[in-house]
Amino acid sequence: MNISDIREKLFSTKSKDRLRAAKEIGKQCLKELSEDILDAYKNEIRDTRTWQTQVALIESLGIIDNKEALSFVEPIVTENKEHDAITGAAAEAYVRLTRKSINDSKPVVELLRFGNYSVLNGCLNPLGYDRMMPNDDEIKELLRLCWNLNEKKERGLTDPRYGIAAACAGWKENLTQDFLHHCLATADKDTPLTYVSENSLKRKYVRLR
């Protein structure tokens, strides 16, 4: 799809068109559609049934670094719903919109200290998806806070350590090996976590989206 097609679908009456357009903006990082996608999100939140489209819109707003979206994202994160896909997407976007640089993990640490499952799950994704490279002290703090996050999940849910385990592929081995082995030992048949942990031990980034 070209820019005109995406913009048209973004305001389509069909939710599947809007969902596709929202995902495409994030996939291509189309910052030129920043104003359009924010307007589309303002329209979308009027319909609580379209949560999947709202998730895609929020994720893409974070990816293209639309700072105006923070006024919508922050209240969702603050509400801190336990099991809610929109909350997870908002936490992911919050990290991207508030970090000072690609390697600034302070927003992640902030959310780790108060978040319920959805916030925890979402805030860790940028570490792996964006291949963030915090300094060693920040890495140590992140690993400490995430060590037993598996205890926060319920049966059938994904392990929130997925994002940070994926990021470990680019971090120093002496800092991450114990954490990754612990993830494997406590994965409890969580296939995605096992996959990224095994690859990170081999120093291999994997495709996450």
N, C-alpha and C. Protein backbone atom coordinates (compact mmCIF):
# COMPACT_ATOMS: atom_id res chain seq x y z
N MET A 1 0.83 -1.20 0.00
CA MET A 1 0.00 0.00 0.00
C MET A 1 0.87 1.25 0.00
N ASN A 2 0.46 2.25 -0.77
CA ASN A 2 1.17 3.53 -0.73
C ASN A 2 0.55 4.43 0.34
N ILE A 3 1.14 5.60 0.51
CA ILE A 3 0.70 6.51 1.56
C ILE A 3 -0.79 6.87 1.43
N SER A 4 -1.22 7.14 0.22
CA SER A 4 -2.63 7.52 -0.01
C SER A 4 -3.57 6.39 0.36
N ASP A 5 -3.19 5.16 0.00
CA ASP A 5 -4.02 3.99 0.32
C ASP A 5 -4.13 3.81 1.83
N ILE A 6 -3.00 3.96 2.52
CA ILE A 6 -2.99 3.78 3.97
C ILE A 6 -3.85 4.85 4.64
N ARG A 7 -3.70 6.08 4.20
CA ARG A 7 -4.49 7.16 4.79
C ARG A 7 -5.99 6.91 4.57
N GLU A 8 -6.34 6.45 3.40
CA GLU A 8 -7.75 6.17 3.10
C GLU A 8 -8.30 5.06 3.99
N LYS A 9 -7.53 4.00 4.14
CA LYS A 9 -7.98 2.86 4.95
C LYS A 9 -8.03 3.23 6.43
N LEU A 10 -7.20 4.17 6.84
CA LEU A 10 -7.15 4.59 8.23
C LEU A 10 -8.49 5.17 8.69
N PHE A 11 -9.24 5.71 7.74
CA PHE A 11 -10.54 6.31 8.07
C PHE A 11 -11.69 5.57 7.40
N SER A 12 -11.44 4.31 7.03
CA SER A 12 -12.47 3.48 6.41
C SER A 12 -13.57 3.16 7.42
N THR A 13 -14.75 2.85 6.92
CA THR A 13 -15.84 2.43 7.80
C THR A 13 -15.67 0.97 8.23
N LYS A 14 -14.72 0.27 7.60
CA LYS A 14 -14.48 -1.15 7.91
C LYS A 14 -13.33 -1.25 8.91
N SER A 15 -13.58 -1.90 10.04
CA SER A 15 -12.57 -1.99 11.08
C SER A 15 -11.33 -2.75 10.60
N LYS A 16 -11.50 -3.74 9.72
CA LYS A 16 -10.35 -4.50 9.25
C LYS A 16 -9.42 -3.64 8.40
N ASP A 17 -9.99 -2.66 7.68
CA ASP A 17 -9.16 -1.72 6.91
C ASP A 17 -8.37 -0.82 7.84
N ARG A 18 -9.03 -0.32 8.88
CA ARG A 18 -8.36 0.57 9.82
C ARG A 18 -7.25 -0.17 10.57
N LEU A 19 -7.52 -1.42 10.92
CA LEU A 19 -6.52 -2.25 11.60
C LEU A 19 -5.30 -2.45 10.71
N ARG A 20 -5.54 -2.77 9.46
CA ARG A 20 -4.44 -2.99 8.52
C ARG A 20 -3.61 -1.73 8.34
N ALA A 21 -4.29 -0.59 8.20
CA ALA A 21 -3.59 0.68 8.02
C ALA A 21 -2.75 1.02 9.24
N ALA A 22 -3.32 0.81 10.42
CA ALA A 22 -2.61 1.11 11.66
C ALA A 22 -1.33 0.29 11.77
N LYS A 23 -1.42 -0.99 11.46
CA LYS A 23 -0.25 -1.87 11.52
C LYS A 23 0.80 -1.45 10.49
N GLU A 24 0.34 -1.06 9.32
CA GLU A 24 1.26 -0.69 8.24
C GLU A 24 2.05 0.57 8.59
N ILE A 25 1.41 1.50 9.26
CA ILE A 25 2.11 2.73 9.67
C ILE A 25 3.26 2.41 10.62
N GLY A 26 3.03 1.50 11.55
CA GLY A 26 4.10 1.09 12.44
C GLY A 26 5.17 0.29 11.74
N LYS A 27 4.74 -0.60 10.87
CA LYS A 27 5.69 -1.45 10.14
C LYS A 27 6.64 -0.62 9.30
N GLN A 28 6.11 0.40 8.62
CA GLN A 28 6.93 1.24 7.75
C GLN A 28 7.46 2.49 8.46
N CYS A 29 7.06 2.67 9.72
CA CYS A 29 7.45 3.86 10.50
C CYS A 29 7.15 5.13 9.71
N LEU A 30 5.89 5.30 9.34
CA LEU A 30 5.47 6.41 8.49
C LEU A 30 5.16 7.65 9.33
N LYS A 31 6.18 8.38 9.67
CA LYS A 31 6.01 9.56 10.51
C LYS A 31 5.22 10.65 9.80
N GLU A 32 5.18 10.60 8.48
CA GLU A 32 4.42 11.60 7.74
C GLU A 32 2.91 11.47 7.95
N LEU A 33 2.50 10.33 8.52
CA LEU A 33 1.08 10.14 8.82
C LEU A 33 0.79 10.33 10.32
N SER A 34 1.70 10.98 11.00
CA SER A 34 1.59 11.17 12.45
C SER A 34 0.29 11.85 12.85
N GLU A 35 -0.07 12.92 12.17
CA GLU A 35 -1.29 13.65 12.51
C GLU A 35 -2.53 12.82 12.17
N ASP A 36 -2.48 12.12 11.05
CA ASP A 36 -3.62 11.31 10.61
C ASP A 36 -3.89 10.17 11.58
N ILE A 37 -2.84 9.50 12.02
CA ILE A 37 -3.06 8.33 12.89
C ILE A 37 -3.55 8.77 14.27
N LEU A 38 -3.13 9.93 14.73
CA LEU A 38 -3.64 10.41 16.01
C LEU A 38 -5.12 10.76 15.89
N ASP A 39 -5.50 11.38 14.78
CA ASP A 39 -6.92 11.67 14.55
C ASP A 39 -7.73 10.37 14.47
N ALA A 40 -7.15 9.37 13.82
CA ALA A 40 -7.83 8.08 13.70
C ALA A 40 -8.02 7.44 15.07
N TYR A 41 -7.01 7.57 15.93
CA TYR A 41 -7.12 7.01 17.28
C TYR A 41 -8.21 7.71 18.08
N LYS A 42 -8.29 9.03 17.95
CA LYS A 42 -9.32 9.79 18.66
C LYS A 42 -10.72 9.32 18.25
N ASN A 43 -10.86 8.98 16.98
CA ASN A 43 -12.14 8.44 16.49
C ASN A 43 -12.39 7.03 17.03
N GLU A 44 -11.33 6.24 17.07
CA GLU A 44 -11.46 4.81 17.41
C GLU A 44 -11.86 4.59 18.86
N ILE A 45 -11.40 5.45 19.76
CA ILE A 45 -11.67 5.20 21.19
C ILE A 45 -13.14 5.41 21.55
N ARG A 46 -13.92 5.88 20.61
CA ARG A 46 -15.36 6.02 20.86
C ARG A 46 -16.08 4.67 20.82
N ASP A 47 -15.41 3.65 20.26
CA ASP A 47 -16.03 2.33 20.11
C ASP A 47 -15.22 1.30 20.88
N THR A 48 -15.71 0.87 22.02
CA THR A 48 -14.96 -0.07 22.87
C THR A 48 -14.84 -1.45 22.24
N ARG A 49 -15.62 -1.72 21.20
CA ARG A 49 -15.57 -3.05 20.57
C ARG A 49 -14.32 -3.24 19.72
N THR A 50 -13.70 -2.15 19.29
CA THR A 50 -12.58 -2.25 18.35
C THR A 50 -11.23 -2.22 19.07
N TRP A 51 -11.10 -3.00 20.10
CA TRP A 51 -9.89 -2.96 20.91
C TRP A 51 -8.64 -3.37 20.12
N GLN A 52 -8.78 -4.30 19.17
CA GLN A 52 -7.61 -4.72 18.39
C GLN A 52 -7.06 -3.58 17.56
N THR A 53 -7.95 -2.80 16.96
CA THR A 53 -7.51 -1.65 16.17
C THR A 53 -6.90 -0.60 17.08
N GLN A 54 -7.48 -0.41 18.25
CA GLN A 54 -6.92 0.56 19.19
C GLN A 54 -5.51 0.15 19.62
N VAL A 55 -5.31 -1.14 19.84
CA VAL A 55 -3.98 -1.65 20.19
C VAL A 55 -2.98 -1.32 19.08
N ALA A 56 -3.35 -1.61 17.84
CA ALA A 56 -2.45 -1.35 16.70
C ALA A 56 -2.15 0.14 16.55
N LEU A 57 -3.17 0.97 16.75
CA LEU A 57 -2.97 2.41 16.64
C LEU A 57 -2.02 2.91 17.73
N ILE A 58 -2.21 2.47 18.96
CA ILE A 58 -1.35 2.89 20.06
C ILE A 58 0.08 2.44 19.83
N GLU A 59 0.26 1.19 19.42
CA GLU A 59 1.61 0.68 19.16
C GLU A 59 2.31 1.51 18.09
N SER A 60 1.59 1.83 17.02
CA SER A 60 2.19 2.59 15.92
C SER A 60 2.47 4.04 16.33
N LEU A 61 1.61 4.62 17.15
CA LEU A 61 1.86 5.97 17.65
C LEU A 61 3.16 6.02 18.44
N GLY A 62 3.44 4.96 19.18
CA GLY A 62 4.71 4.88 19.90
C GLY A 62 5.89 4.70 18.97
N ILE A 63 5.73 3.83 18.00
CA ILE A 63 6.82 3.53 17.06
C ILE A 63 7.24 4.77 16.27
N ILE A 64 6.26 5.57 15.84
CA ILE A 64 6.60 6.76 15.06
C ILE A 64 6.91 7.97 15.96
N ASP A 65 6.88 7.75 17.27
CA ASP A 65 7.26 8.76 18.26
C ASP A 65 6.37 10.00 18.20
N ASN A 66 5.07 9.78 18.17
CA ASN A 66 4.11 10.88 18.18
C ASN A 66 3.93 11.36 19.62
N LYS A 67 4.64 12.40 19.99
CA LYS A 67 4.64 12.87 21.38
C LYS A 67 3.26 13.31 21.85
N GLU A 68 2.42 13.77 20.93
CA GLU A 68 1.08 14.22 21.32
C GLU A 68 0.24 13.06 21.86
N ALA A 69 0.59 11.86 21.47
CA ALA A 69 -0.17 10.69 21.91
C ALA A 69 0.03 10.39 23.39
N LEU A 70 1.07 10.96 23.99
CA LEU A 70 1.37 10.68 25.40
C LEU A 70 0.21 11.07 26.31
N SER A 71 -0.51 12.13 25.97
CA SER A 71 -1.63 12.57 26.80
C SER A 71 -2.77 11.55 26.81
N PHE A 72 -2.82 10.69 25.81
CA PHE A 72 -3.81 9.61 25.76
C PHE A 72 -3.27 8.33 26.39
N VAL A 73 -1.98 8.09 26.18
CA VAL A 73 -1.36 6.85 26.63
C VAL A 73 -1.13 6.82 28.14
N GLU A 74 -0.68 7.93 28.69
CA GLU A 74 -0.30 7.95 30.11
C GLU A 74 -1.46 7.61 31.05
N PRO A 75 -2.67 8.13 30.84
CA PRO A 75 -3.78 7.76 31.73
C PRO A 75 -4.12 6.27 31.68
N ILE A 76 -3.94 5.66 30.51
CA ILE A 76 -4.21 4.22 30.40
C ILE A 76 -3.22 3.44 31.24
N VAL A 77 -1.95 3.83 31.16
CA VAL A 77 -0.91 3.17 31.95
C VAL A 77 -1.17 3.38 33.44
N THR A 78 -1.51 4.58 33.81
CA THR A 78 -1.76 4.90 35.22
C THR A 78 -2.93 4.09 35.78
N GLU A 79 -3.94 3.84 34.96
CA GLU A 79 -5.08 3.02 35.40
C GLU A 79 -4.64 1.60 35.71
N ASN A 80 -3.63 1.12 34.96
CA ASN A 80 -2.93 -0.11 35.34
C ASN A 80 -3.83 -1.34 35.42
N LYS A 81 -4.67 -1.54 34.40
CA LYS A 81 -5.54 -2.71 34.39
C LYS A 81 -4.71 -3.99 34.33
N GLU A 82 -5.20 -5.00 35.00
CA GLU A 82 -4.42 -6.23 35.18
C GLU A 82 -4.23 -7.02 33.88
N HIS A 83 -5.31 -7.35 33.22
CA HIS A 83 -5.24 -8.16 32.00
C HIS A 83 -5.99 -7.43 30.89
N ASP A 84 -5.27 -6.60 30.16
CA ASP A 84 -5.90 -5.73 29.18
C ASP A 84 -4.91 -5.42 28.07
N ALA A 85 -5.26 -5.79 26.84
CA ALA A 85 -4.35 -5.62 25.70
C ALA A 85 -4.06 -4.15 25.42
N ILE A 86 -5.06 -3.29 25.58
CA ILE A 86 -4.85 -1.86 25.34
C ILE A 86 -3.85 -1.31 26.35
N THR A 87 -3.93 -1.75 27.59
CA THR A 87 -2.99 -1.31 28.61
C THR A 87 -1.57 -1.74 28.27
N GLY A 88 -1.43 -2.97 27.79
CA GLY A 88 -0.11 -3.45 27.38
C GLY A 88 0.49 -2.62 26.26
N ALA A 89 -0.35 -2.29 25.27
CA ALA A 89 0.11 -1.46 24.14
C ALA A 89 0.48 -0.07 24.62
N ALA A 90 -0.30 0.47 25.56
CA ALA A 90 -0.04 1.80 26.10
C ALA A 90 1.29 1.84 26.85
N ALA A 91 1.60 0.78 27.61
CA ALA A 91 2.87 0.72 28.33
C ALA A 91 4.05 0.69 27.36
N GLU A 92 3.88 -0.07 26.29
CA GLU A 92 4.91 -0.16 25.26
C GLU A 92 5.14 1.23 24.63
N ALA A 93 4.05 1.90 24.30
CA ALA A 93 4.15 3.24 23.69
C ALA A 93 4.72 4.25 24.69
N TYR A 94 4.33 4.13 25.95
CA TYR A 94 4.81 5.06 26.98
C TYR A 94 6.34 5.05 27.05
N VAL A 95 6.92 3.86 27.01
CA VAL A 95 8.39 3.76 27.06
C VAL A 95 9.01 4.49 25.88
N ARG A 96 8.47 4.27 24.70
CA ARG A 96 9.04 4.90 23.50
C ARG A 96 8.86 6.42 23.51
N LEU A 97 7.75 6.88 24.05
CA LEU A 97 7.44 8.31 24.01
C LEU A 97 8.13 9.11 25.10
N THR A 98 8.59 8.45 26.15
CA THR A 98 9.18 9.17 27.28
C THR A 98 10.69 8.95 27.42
N ARG A 99 11.25 7.96 26.78
CA ARG A 99 12.69 7.75 26.89
C ARG A 99 13.45 8.90 26.23
N LYS A 100 14.62 9.25 26.77
CA LYS A 100 15.42 10.36 26.27
C LYS A 100 16.23 9.97 25.04
N SER A 101 16.46 8.68 24.88
CA SER A 101 17.19 8.17 23.72
C SER A 101 16.79 6.71 23.54
N ILE A 102 17.24 6.11 22.45
CA ILE A 102 16.89 4.71 22.17
C ILE A 102 17.41 3.79 23.27
N ASN A 103 18.43 4.21 24.02
CA ASN A 103 19.03 3.34 25.03
C ASN A 103 18.65 3.71 26.46
N ASP A 104 17.74 4.65 26.61
CA ASP A 104 17.30 5.09 27.95
C ASP A 104 16.23 4.15 28.49
N SER A 105 16.59 3.37 29.48
CA SER A 105 15.66 2.38 30.03
C SER A 105 14.94 2.87 31.29
N LYS A 106 15.13 4.13 31.66
CA LYS A 106 14.50 4.63 32.89
C LYS A 106 12.97 4.49 32.87
N PRO A 107 12.29 4.75 31.74
CA PRO A 107 10.83 4.56 31.73
C PRO A 107 10.42 3.10 31.97
N VAL A 108 11.27 2.18 31.52
CA VAL A 108 10.98 0.76 31.74
C VAL A 108 11.05 0.45 33.24
N VAL A 109 12.11 0.92 33.87
CA VAL A 109 12.28 0.71 35.31
C VAL A 109 11.12 1.33 36.08
N GLU A 110 10.72 2.52 35.67
CA GLU A 110 9.59 3.20 36.31
C GLU A 110 8.34 2.34 36.30
N LEU A 111 8.02 1.77 35.15
CA LEU A 111 6.81 0.96 35.04
C LEU A 111 6.95 -0.39 35.72
N LEU A 112 8.15 -0.94 35.74
CA LEU A 112 8.37 -2.22 36.42
C LEU A 112 8.09 -2.12 37.91
N ARG A 113 8.26 -0.95 38.47
CA ARG A 113 8.14 -0.78 39.91
C ARG A 113 6.70 -0.65 40.39
N PHE A 114 5.75 -0.45 39.45
CA PHE A 114 4.37 -0.33 39.93
C PHE A 114 3.36 -1.13 39.11
N GLY A 115 3.75 -1.62 37.96
CA GLY A 115 2.79 -2.19 37.04
C GLY A 115 2.23 -3.55 37.40
N ASN A 116 0.98 -3.76 36.98
CA ASN A 116 0.38 -5.09 36.99
C ASN A 116 0.80 -5.81 35.72
N TYR A 117 0.25 -7.00 35.49
CA TYR A 117 0.73 -7.86 34.41
C TYR A 117 0.80 -7.16 33.04
N SER A 118 -0.26 -6.48 32.64
CA SER A 118 -0.29 -5.88 31.29
C SER A 118 0.75 -4.79 31.14
N VAL A 119 0.94 -3.98 32.14
CA VAL A 119 1.96 -2.94 32.10
C VAL A 119 3.35 -3.57 32.04
N LEU A 120 3.58 -4.58 32.86
CA LEU A 120 4.87 -5.27 32.87
C LEU A 120 5.17 -5.89 31.51
N ASN A 121 4.19 -6.54 30.96
CA ASN A 121 4.37 -7.22 29.68
C ASN A 121 4.68 -6.21 28.58
N GLY A 122 3.95 -5.09 28.57
CA GLY A 122 4.13 -4.10 27.53
C GLY A 122 5.41 -3.31 27.64
N CYS A 123 5.79 -2.92 28.85
CA CYS A 123 6.94 -2.03 28.99
C CYS A 123 8.25 -2.70 28.64
N LEU A 124 8.31 -4.01 28.70
CA LEU A 124 9.55 -4.73 28.39
C LEU A 124 9.75 -4.97 26.90
N ASN A 125 8.68 -4.89 26.13
CA ASN A 125 8.80 -5.18 24.70
C ASN A 125 9.77 -4.28 23.95
N PRO A 126 9.79 -2.96 24.19
CA PRO A 126 10.74 -2.12 23.45
C PRO A 126 12.20 -2.51 23.66
N LEU A 127 12.53 -3.08 24.81
CA LEU A 127 13.91 -3.51 25.04
C LEU A 127 14.36 -4.48 23.95
N GLY A 128 13.49 -5.44 23.63
CA GLY A 128 13.83 -6.42 22.61
C GLY A 128 13.51 -5.97 21.21
N TYR A 129 12.31 -5.40 21.01
CA TYR A 129 11.90 -4.98 19.67
C TYR A 129 12.83 -3.91 19.10
N ASP A 130 13.26 -2.97 19.96
CA ASP A 130 14.10 -1.86 19.50
C ASP A 130 15.58 -2.10 19.73
N ARG A 131 15.91 -3.26 20.28
CA ARG A 131 17.30 -3.63 20.57
C ARG A 131 18.00 -2.53 21.37
N MET A 132 17.33 -2.14 22.44
CA MET A 132 17.86 -1.10 23.31
C MET A 132 19.14 -1.57 24.01
N MET A 133 20.05 -0.64 24.23
CA MET A 133 21.34 -0.97 24.84
C MET A 133 21.60 -0.04 26.03
N PRO A 134 20.94 -0.30 27.16
CA PRO A 134 21.18 0.54 28.35
C PRO A 134 22.61 0.34 28.86
N ASN A 135 23.03 1.20 29.79
CA ASN A 135 24.36 1.01 30.36
C ASN A 135 24.32 -0.18 31.33
N ASP A 136 25.49 -0.60 31.77
CA ASP A 136 25.59 -1.83 32.57
C ASP A 136 24.80 -1.74 33.88
N ASP A 137 24.84 -0.59 34.53
CA ASP A 137 24.12 -0.45 35.80
C ASP A 137 22.61 -0.58 35.58
N GLU A 138 22.11 0.01 34.50
CA GLU A 138 20.69 -0.09 34.19
C GLU A 138 20.31 -1.52 33.84
N ILE A 139 21.17 -2.21 33.12
CA ILE A 139 20.92 -3.61 32.78
C ILE A 139 20.81 -4.45 34.04
N LYS A 140 21.72 -4.25 34.97
CA LYS A 140 21.68 -5.01 36.22
C LYS A 140 20.37 -4.77 36.97
N GLU A 141 19.92 -3.51 37.00
CA GLU A 141 18.68 -3.19 37.68
C GLU A 141 17.48 -3.81 36.97
N LEU A 142 17.48 -3.77 35.65
CA LEU A 142 16.40 -4.38 34.88
C LEU A 142 16.32 -5.88 35.13
N LEU A 143 17.46 -6.55 35.10
CA LEU A 143 17.48 -8.00 35.31
C LEU A 143 17.03 -8.35 36.73
N ARG A 144 17.41 -7.54 37.69
CA ARG A 144 17.00 -7.77 39.08
C ARG A 144 15.48 -7.65 39.21
N LEU A 145 14.92 -6.62 38.62
CA LEU A 145 13.47 -6.39 38.72
C LEU A 145 12.67 -7.43 37.95
N CYS A 146 13.29 -8.02 36.92
CA CYS A 146 12.56 -8.96 36.06
C CYS A 146 12.79 -10.43 36.43
N TRP A 147 13.66 -10.68 37.38
CA TRP A 147 14.10 -12.04 37.69
C TRP A 147 12.92 -13.02 37.86
N ASN A 148 11.95 -12.66 38.65
CA ASN A 148 10.83 -13.57 38.93
C ASN A 148 9.49 -13.05 38.41
N LEU A 149 9.50 -12.33 37.31
CA LEU A 149 8.24 -11.81 36.78
C LEU A 149 7.31 -12.91 36.30
N ASN A 150 7.85 -14.10 36.12
CA ASN A 150 6.99 -15.23 35.75
C ASN A 150 5.92 -15.48 36.81
N GLU A 151 6.20 -15.07 38.02
CA GLU A 151 5.22 -15.26 39.11
C GLU A 151 4.02 -14.33 38.97
N LYS A 152 4.13 -13.32 38.08
CA LYS A 152 3.03 -12.36 37.87
C LYS A 152 2.02 -12.85 36.84
N LYS A 153 2.36 -13.90 36.11
CA LYS A 153 1.46 -14.34 35.04
C LYS A 153 0.60 -15.51 35.51
N GLU A 154 -0.53 -15.65 34.84
CA GLU A 154 -1.43 -16.76 35.12
C GLU A 154 -1.36 -17.76 33.98
N ARG A 155 -1.85 -18.94 34.21
CA ARG A 155 -1.81 -19.99 33.19
C ARG A 155 -2.48 -19.51 31.91
N GLY A 156 -1.83 -19.76 30.80
CA GLY A 156 -2.37 -19.37 29.50
C GLY A 156 -1.87 -18.03 28.99
N LEU A 157 -1.23 -17.25 29.88
CA LEU A 157 -0.69 -15.96 29.48
C LEU A 157 0.79 -16.08 29.14
N THR A 158 1.29 -15.15 28.34
CA THR A 158 2.71 -15.18 27.98
C THR A 158 3.56 -14.66 29.14
N ASP A 159 4.79 -15.11 29.18
CA ASP A 159 5.71 -14.67 30.22
C ASP A 159 6.19 -13.26 29.90
N PRO A 160 6.04 -12.32 30.82
CA PRO A 160 6.42 -10.93 30.54
C PRO A 160 7.91 -10.72 30.31
N ARG A 161 8.73 -11.72 30.63
CA ARG A 161 10.18 -11.58 30.45
C ARG A 161 10.62 -11.74 29.01
N TYR A 162 9.68 -12.01 28.12
CA TYR A 162 9.98 -12.23 26.70
C TYR A 162 10.81 -11.09 26.10
N GLY A 163 10.37 -9.84 26.29
CA GLY A 163 11.05 -8.70 25.69
C GLY A 163 12.46 -8.51 26.19
N ILE A 164 12.66 -8.64 27.49
CA ILE A 164 13.99 -8.44 28.04
C ILE A 164 14.91 -9.62 27.70
N ALA A 165 14.36 -10.82 27.67
CA ALA A 165 15.18 -11.97 27.30
C ALA A 165 15.68 -11.83 25.87
N ALA A 166 14.84 -11.29 24.99
CA ALA A 166 15.25 -11.06 23.60
C ALA A 166 16.34 -10.01 23.52
N ALA A 167 16.22 -8.96 24.35
CA ALA A 167 17.21 -7.88 24.34
C ALA A 167 18.59 -8.36 24.81
N CYS A 168 18.59 -9.38 25.64
CA CYS A 168 19.85 -9.89 26.20
C CYS A 168 20.83 -10.37 25.13
N ALA A 169 20.35 -10.61 23.92
CA ALA A 169 21.22 -11.05 22.83
C ALA A 169 22.34 -10.04 22.56
N GLY A 170 22.07 -8.77 22.83
CA GLY A 170 23.06 -7.75 22.56
C GLY A 170 23.77 -7.22 23.80
N TRP A 171 23.40 -7.74 24.96
CA TRP A 171 24.00 -7.27 26.21
C TRP A 171 25.15 -8.19 26.62
N LYS A 172 26.00 -7.73 27.52
CA LYS A 172 27.19 -8.49 27.91
C LYS A 172 26.81 -9.85 28.51
N GLU A 173 27.54 -10.86 28.07
CA GLU A 173 27.25 -12.23 28.52
C GLU A 173 27.37 -12.38 30.03
N ASN A 174 28.39 -11.75 30.60
CA ASN A 174 28.59 -11.92 32.04
C ASN A 174 27.46 -11.31 32.87
N LEU A 175 26.68 -10.42 32.24
CA LEU A 175 25.54 -9.83 32.94
C LEU A 175 24.26 -10.62 32.76
N THR A 176 24.15 -11.32 31.65
CA THR A 176 22.86 -11.90 31.26
C THR A 176 22.74 -13.41 31.37
N GLN A 177 23.86 -14.12 31.43
CA GLN A 177 23.78 -15.58 31.36
C GLN A 177 22.94 -16.19 32.49
N ASP A 178 23.15 -15.75 33.70
CA ASP A 178 22.38 -16.31 34.83
C ASP A 178 20.89 -16.05 34.64
N PHE A 179 20.56 -14.84 34.20
CA PHE A 179 19.16 -14.50 33.99
C PHE A 179 18.53 -15.38 32.92
N LEU A 180 19.23 -15.56 31.81
CA LEU A 180 18.69 -16.36 30.70
C LEU A 180 18.52 -17.82 31.10
N HIS A 181 19.47 -18.35 31.82
CA HIS A 181 19.34 -19.74 32.30
C HIS A 181 18.17 -19.85 33.28
N HIS A 182 17.97 -18.83 34.09
CA HIS A 182 16.85 -18.82 35.02
C HIS A 182 15.53 -18.77 34.25
N CYS A 183 15.48 -17.98 33.17
CA CYS A 183 14.27 -17.93 32.33
C CYS A 183 13.96 -19.31 31.77
N LEU A 184 14.98 -20.00 31.29
CA LEU A 184 14.76 -21.35 30.73
C LEU A 184 14.29 -22.31 31.82
N ALA A 185 14.83 -22.19 33.00
CA ALA A 185 14.47 -23.10 34.09
C ALA A 185 13.06 -22.85 34.60
N THR A 186 12.56 -21.65 34.42
CA THR A 186 11.25 -21.29 34.96
C THR A 186 10.23 -20.95 33.87
N ALA A 187 10.54 -21.29 32.63
CA ALA A 187 9.67 -20.93 31.51
C ALA A 187 8.32 -21.64 31.54
N ASP A 188 8.27 -22.81 32.17
CA ASP A 188 7.02 -23.55 32.31
C ASP A 188 6.30 -23.73 30.96
N LYS A 189 7.04 -24.25 29.99
CA LYS A 189 6.52 -24.56 28.64
C LYS A 189 6.11 -23.32 27.84
N ASP A 190 6.63 -22.15 28.24
CA ASP A 190 6.37 -20.93 27.48
C ASP A 190 7.31 -20.92 26.27
N THR A 191 6.79 -21.30 25.11
CA THR A 191 7.61 -21.47 23.91
C THR A 191 8.30 -20.19 23.46
N PRO A 192 7.59 -19.04 23.39
CA PRO A 192 8.28 -17.81 22.96
C PRO A 192 9.45 -17.43 23.87
N LEU A 193 9.26 -17.51 25.19
CA LEU A 193 10.35 -17.17 26.11
C LEU A 193 11.51 -18.13 25.93
N THR A 194 11.22 -19.41 25.82
CA THR A 194 12.28 -20.40 25.63
C THR A 194 13.06 -20.11 24.35
N TYR A 195 12.35 -19.79 23.28
CA TYR A 195 12.98 -19.52 21.99
C TYR A 195 13.94 -18.33 22.05
N VAL A 196 13.46 -17.21 22.61
CA VAL A 196 14.34 -16.03 22.64
C VAL A 196 15.48 -16.22 23.63
N SER A 197 15.24 -16.91 24.73
CA SER A 197 16.30 -17.13 25.71
C SER A 197 17.41 -18.00 25.14
N GLU A 198 17.03 -19.04 24.45
CA GLU A 198 18.04 -19.92 23.84
C GLU A 198 18.86 -19.17 22.80
N ASN A 199 18.21 -18.35 22.01
CA ASN A 199 18.93 -17.59 20.98
C ASN A 199 19.80 -16.50 21.60
N SER A 200 19.33 -15.88 22.66
CA SER A 200 20.14 -14.85 23.31
C SER A 200 21.39 -15.44 23.94
N LEU A 201 21.29 -16.66 24.43
CA LEU A 201 22.49 -17.33 24.95
C LEU A 201 23.51 -17.57 23.85
N LYS A 202 23.04 -17.66 22.61
CA LYS A 202 23.92 -17.81 21.45
C LYS A 202 24.31 -16.46 20.84
N ARG A 203 23.86 -15.38 21.51
CA ARG A 203 24.13 -14.02 21.05
C ARG A 203 23.43 -13.72 19.72
N LYS A 204 22.24 -14.28 19.55
CA LYS A 204 21.49 -14.11 18.30
C LYS A 204 20.19 -13.36 18.55
N TYR A 205 20.02 -12.23 17.86
CA TYR A 205 18.73 -11.56 17.87
C TYR A 205 17.76 -12.34 17.00
N VAL A 206 16.51 -12.37 17.36
CA VAL A 206 15.50 -13.04 16.55
C VAL A 206 14.44 -12.03 16.13
N ARG A 207 13.73 -12.35 15.07
CA ARG A 207 12.67 -11.46 14.61
C ARG A 207 11.48 -11.59 15.56
N LEU A 208 11.02 -10.46 16.08
CA LEU A 208 9.98 -10.48 17.11
C LEU A 208 8.61 -10.10 16.57
N ARG A 209 8.53 -9.43 15.45
CA ARG A 209 7.23 -9.05 14.89
C ARG A 209 7.03 -9.74 13.57
